[in-house]
Amino acid sequence: MVDADAYLLELAAYIHLNPVRVHITERPENYRWSSHRAYLGNESYSWLETDSILSQFSKQLSRARLKFAKFVGERVSDGRRAVFHGETNIDSRIIGDDDFISDLLSGGRRSAGTKTRRECRNCGRKKALCYHG
């Protein structure tokens, strides 16, 4: 389970950058086994659905692909992210901030008023997704 679109986009970028992080390639689009090439429009797989990710960047497919490529490229130097390995979460099956996870595990019984914003003041990302804390 993944909290909100921001986490989903960060997770997609993180996965697409795995071959770069382990030094198989310098650019994700150069790794032939990655779906990143399909997200950029360089390949097509009948079984791969890219619209849910790409539509977050633009309604126009060509613009969405460019923005997604830029989004992923901006994260090349991020390194390993503990949040995507379940190391910082209450429950490793769920990716999200503590409020989201607690709410999900409680069956949604928590009051909306108890939730707090968790964005980083430096970069605007959710605190769990940035390096500023």
C-alpha atoms as a PDB file:
ATOM      1  CA  MET A   1       0.000   0.000   0.000  1.00  0.00           C
ATOM      2  CA  VAL A   2       1.383   3.388  -0.980  1.00  0.00           C
ATOM      3  CA  ASP A   3       0.243   6.744   0.446  1.00  0.00           C
ATOM      4  CA  ALA A   4      -0.734   9.371  -2.091  1.00  0.00           C
ATOM      5  CA  ASP A   5       0.577  10.134  -5.520  1.00  0.00           C
ATOM      6  CA  ALA A   6       3.745  11.806  -4.229  1.00  0.00           C
ATOM      7  CA  TYR A   7       4.939   8.539  -2.710  1.00  0.00           C
ATOM      8  CA  LEU A   8       3.963   6.613  -5.822  1.00  0.00           C
ATOM      9  CA  LEU A   9       5.973   8.943  -8.068  1.00  0.00           C
ATOM     10  CA  GLU A  10       8.972   8.812  -5.744  1.00  0.00           C
ATOM     11  CA  LEU A  11       8.730   5.023  -5.636  1.00  0.00           C
ATOM     12  CA  ALA A  12       8.541   4.783  -9.431  1.00  0.00           C
ATOM     13  CA  ALA A  13      11.632   6.977  -9.790  1.00  0.00           C
ATOM     14  CA  TYR A  14      13.434   4.960  -7.129  1.00  0.00           C
ATOM     15  CA  ILE A  15      12.695   1.674  -8.897  1.00  0.00           C
ATOM     16  CA  HIS A  16      13.719   3.062 -12.291  1.00  0.00           C
ATOM     17  CA  LEU A  17      17.023   4.178 -10.768  1.00  0.00           C
ATOM     18  CA  ASN A  18      17.906   0.789  -9.243  1.00  0.00           C
ATOM     19  CA  PRO A  19      20.250  -0.166 -12.141  1.00  0.00           C
ATOM     20  CA  VAL A  20      22.033   3.185 -11.756  1.00  0.00           C
ATOM     21  CA  ARG A  21      22.416   2.793  -7.977  1.00  0.00           C
ATOM     22  CA  VAL A  22      24.054  -0.620  -8.360  1.00  0.00           C
ATOM     23  CA  HIS A  23      26.325   0.664 -11.151  1.00  0.00           C
ATOM     24  CA  ILE A  24      24.929  -1.500 -13.955  1.00  0.00           C
ATOM     25  CA  THR A  25      24.402   1.602 -16.086  1.00  0.00           C
ATOM     26  CA  GLU A  26      24.838   5.349 -15.820  1.00  0.00           C
ATOM     27  CA  ARG A  27      21.353   6.181 -17.134  1.00  0.00           C
ATOM     28  CA  PRO A  28      18.132   4.252 -16.455  1.00  0.00           C
ATOM     29  CA  GLU A  29      17.032   4.401 -20.097  1.00  0.00           C
ATOM     30  CA  ASN A  30      20.179   2.478 -21.088  1.00  0.00           C
ATOM     31  CA  TYR A  31      19.219  -0.578 -19.034  1.00  0.00           C
ATOM     32  CA  ARG A  32      17.340  -2.877 -21.393  1.00  0.00           C
ATOM     33  CA  TRP A  33      15.399  -4.730 -18.687  1.00  0.00           C
ATOM     34  CA  SER A  34      13.900  -1.589 -17.165  1.00  0.00           C
ATOM     35  CA  SER A  35      10.404  -0.345 -17.903  1.00  0.00           C
ATOM     36  CA  HIS A  36      11.869   3.166 -17.863  1.00  0.00           C
ATOM     37  CA  ARG A  37      12.330   2.939 -21.626  1.00  0.00           C
ATOM     38  CA  ALA A  38       8.591   2.360 -22.045  1.00  0.00           C
ATOM     39  CA  TYR A  39       7.757   5.296 -19.800  1.00  0.00           C
ATOM     40  CA  LEU A  40       9.854   7.458 -22.111  1.00  0.00           C
ATOM     41  CA  GLY A  41       8.113   6.063 -25.203  1.00  0.00           C
ATOM     42  CA  ASN A  42      11.158   4.188 -26.513  1.00  0.00           C
ATOM     43  CA  GLU A  43       9.538   0.764 -26.133  1.00  0.00           C
ATOM     44  CA  SER A  44       6.050  -0.617 -25.703  1.00  0.00           C
ATOM     45  CA  TYR A  45       4.825  -3.602 -23.698  1.00  0.00           C
ATOM     46  CA  SER A  46       1.197  -4.720 -23.893  1.00  0.00           C
ATOM     47  CA  TRP A  47       1.263  -5.708 -20.223  1.00  0.00           C
ATOM     48  CA  LEU A  48       2.696  -2.419 -18.887  1.00  0.00           C
ATOM     49  CA  GLU A  49       0.375   0.393 -17.834  1.00  0.00           C
ATOM     50  CA  THR A  50       2.183   3.745 -17.648  1.00  0.00           C
ATOM     51  CA  ASP A  51      -0.738   6.179 -17.713  1.00  0.00           C
ATOM     52  CA  SER A  52      -1.328   6.284 -13.956  1.00  0.00           C
ATOM     53  CA  ILE A  53       2.210   7.582 -13.403  1.00  0.00           C
ATOM     54  CA  LEU A  54       2.642   9.708 -16.512  1.00  0.00           C
ATOM     55  CA  SER A  55      -0.751  11.417 -16.169  1.00  0.00           C
ATOM     56  CA  GLN A  56       0.478  12.923 -12.902  1.00  0.00           C
ATOM     57  CA  PHE A  57       2.921  15.041 -14.908  1.00  0.00           C
ATOM     58  CA  SER A  58       0.746  16.218 -17.809  1.00  0.00           C
ATOM     59  CA  LYS A  59      -2.361  15.327 -19.783  1.00  0.00           C
ATOM     60  CA  GLN A  60      -0.276  15.527 -22.950  1.00  0.00           C
ATOM     61  CA  LEU A  61       1.696  12.271 -23.274  1.00  0.00           C
ATOM     62  CA  SER A  62       4.845  13.722 -24.864  1.00  0.00           C
ATOM     63  CA  ARG A  63       5.063  16.437 -22.202  1.00  0.00           C
ATOM     64  CA  ALA A  64       4.376  13.897 -19.432  1.00  0.00           C
ATOM     65  CA  ARG A  65       7.240  11.719 -20.667  1.00  0.00           C
ATOM     66  CA  LEU A  66       9.646  14.663 -20.684  1.00  0.00           C
ATOM     67  CA  LYS A  67       8.618  15.719 -17.193  1.00  0.00           C
ATOM     68  CA  PHE A  68       8.883  12.162 -15.885  1.00  0.00           C
ATOM     69  CA  ALA A  69      12.377  11.819 -17.376  1.00  0.00           C
ATOM     70  CA  LYS A  70      13.370  15.071 -15.663  1.00  0.00           C
ATOM     71  CA  PHE A  71      11.781  13.944 -12.377  1.00  0.00           C
ATOM     72  CA  VAL A  72      13.736  10.675 -12.420  1.00  0.00           C
ATOM     73  CA  GLY A  73      16.926  12.425 -13.542  1.00  0.00           C
ATOM     74  CA  GLU A  74      16.753  14.818 -10.593  1.00  0.00           C
ATOM     75  CA  ARG A  75      16.926  11.815  -8.253  1.00  0.00           C
ATOM     76  CA  VAL A  76      19.965  10.054  -9.739  1.00  0.00           C
ATOM     77  CA  SER A  77      22.183  11.010  -6.807  1.00  0.00           C
ATOM     78  CA  ASP A  78      19.599  10.190  -4.096  1.00  0.00           C
ATOM     79  CA  GLY A  79      21.101   6.808  -3.234  1.00  0.00           C
ATOM     80  CA  ARG A  80      19.361   4.114  -1.234  1.00  0.00           C
ATOM     81  CA  ARG A  81      16.139   5.219   0.435  1.00  0.00           C
ATOM     82  CA  ALA A  82      15.317   3.453   3.701  1.00  0.00           C
ATOM     83  CA  VAL A  83      11.648   4.396   3.392  1.00  0.00           C
ATOM     84  CA  PHE A  84      11.302   2.136   0.340  1.00  0.00           C
ATOM     85  CA  HIS A  85      12.783  -0.825   2.206  1.00  0.00           C
ATOM     86  CA  GLY A  86      10.368  -0.648   5.133  1.00  0.00           C
ATOM     87  CA  GLU A  87      13.113   0.418   7.506  1.00  0.00           C
ATOM     88  CA  THR A  88      11.495   3.649   8.680  1.00  0.00           C
ATOM     89  CA  ASN A  89       7.856   2.581   8.723  1.00  0.00           C
ATOM     90  CA  ILE A  90       5.667   1.171  11.471  1.00  0.00           C
ATOM     91  CA  ASP A  91       4.656  -1.586   9.019  1.00  0.00           C
ATOM     92  CA  SER A  92       7.030  -2.515   6.179  1.00  0.00           C
ATOM     93  CA  ARG A  93       4.122  -3.454   3.876  1.00  0.00           C
ATOM     94  CA  ILE A  94       2.998   0.170   3.766  1.00  0.00           C
ATOM     95  CA  ILE A  95       4.817   3.196   2.345  1.00  0.00           C
ATOM     96  CA  GLY A  96       3.666   6.479   3.818  1.00  0.00           C
ATOM     97  CA  ASP A  97       4.054   8.767   6.768  1.00  0.00           C
ATOM     98  CA  ASP A  98       3.171   7.627  10.288  1.00  0.00           C
ATOM     99  CA  ASP A  99      -0.297   9.220  10.159  1.00  0.00           C
ATOM    100  CA  PHE A 100      -1.189   7.375   6.952  1.00  0.00           C
ATOM    101  CA  ILE A 101       0.081   4.037   8.263  1.00  0.00           C
ATOM    102  CA  SER A 102      -1.643   4.401  11.636  1.00  0.00           C
ATOM    103  CA  ASP A 103      -4.891   5.397   9.949  1.00  0.00           C
ATOM    104  CA  LEU A 104      -4.709   2.447   7.569  1.00  0.00           C
ATOM    105  CA  LEU A 105      -3.890  -0.049  10.317  1.00  0.00           C
ATOM    106  CA  SER A 106      -6.721   1.263  12.482  1.00  0.00           C
ATOM    107  CA  GLY A 107      -9.177   0.732   9.652  1.00  0.00           C
ATOM    108  CA  GLY A 108      -9.602   4.460   9.078  1.00  0.00           C
ATOM    109  CA  ARG A 109     -11.048   5.077  12.533  1.00  0.00           C
ATOM    110  CA  ARG A 110      -8.730   7.996  13.327  1.00  0.00           C
ATOM    111  CA  SER A 111     -10.125  11.489  13.245  1.00  0.00           C
ATOM    112  CA  ALA A 112      -9.088  13.691  10.315  1.00  0.00           C
ATOM    113  CA  GLY A 113      -8.322  16.434  12.843  1.00  0.00           C
ATOM    114  CA  THR A 114      -5.489  14.393  14.368  1.00  0.00           C
ATOM    115  CA  LYS A 115      -3.474  14.390  11.155  1.00  0.00           C
ATOM    116  CA  THR A 116      -0.659  16.873  10.677  1.00  0.00           C
ATOM    117  CA  ARG A 117       1.144  18.057   7.588  1.00  0.00           C
ATOM    118  CA  ARG A 118       4.511  16.377   7.159  1.00  0.00           C
ATOM    119  CA  GLU A 119       6.155  18.379   4.370  1.00  0.00           C
ATOM    120  CA  CYS A 120       9.784  19.418   4.556  1.00  0.00           C
ATOM    121  CA  ARG A 121      10.182  23.190   4.751  1.00  0.00           C
ATOM    122  CA  ASN A 122      13.361  23.032   2.637  1.00  0.00           C
ATOM    123  CA  CYS A 123      12.184  21.059  -0.393  1.00  0.00           C
ATOM    124  CA  GLY A 124       8.403  20.641  -0.058  1.00  0.00           C
ATOM    125  CA  ARG A 125       8.563  16.822  -0.218  1.00  0.00           C
ATOM    126  CA  LYS A 126       6.977  14.753   2.512  1.00  0.00           C
ATOM    127  CA  LYS A 127       9.519  14.500   5.331  1.00  0.00           C
ATOM    128  CA  ALA A 128       9.748  10.743   4.918  1.00  0.00           C
ATOM    129  CA  LEU A 129      10.853  11.279   1.304  1.00  0.00           C
ATOM    130  CA  CYS A 130      13.459  14.001   1.720  1.00  0.00           C
ATOM    131  CA  TYR A 131      16.896  14.160   3.252  1.00  0.00           C
ATOM    132  CA  HIS A 132      16.335  17.353   5.258  1.00  0.00           C
ATOM    133  CA  GLY A 133      14.302  15.649   7.958  1.00  0.00           C
END
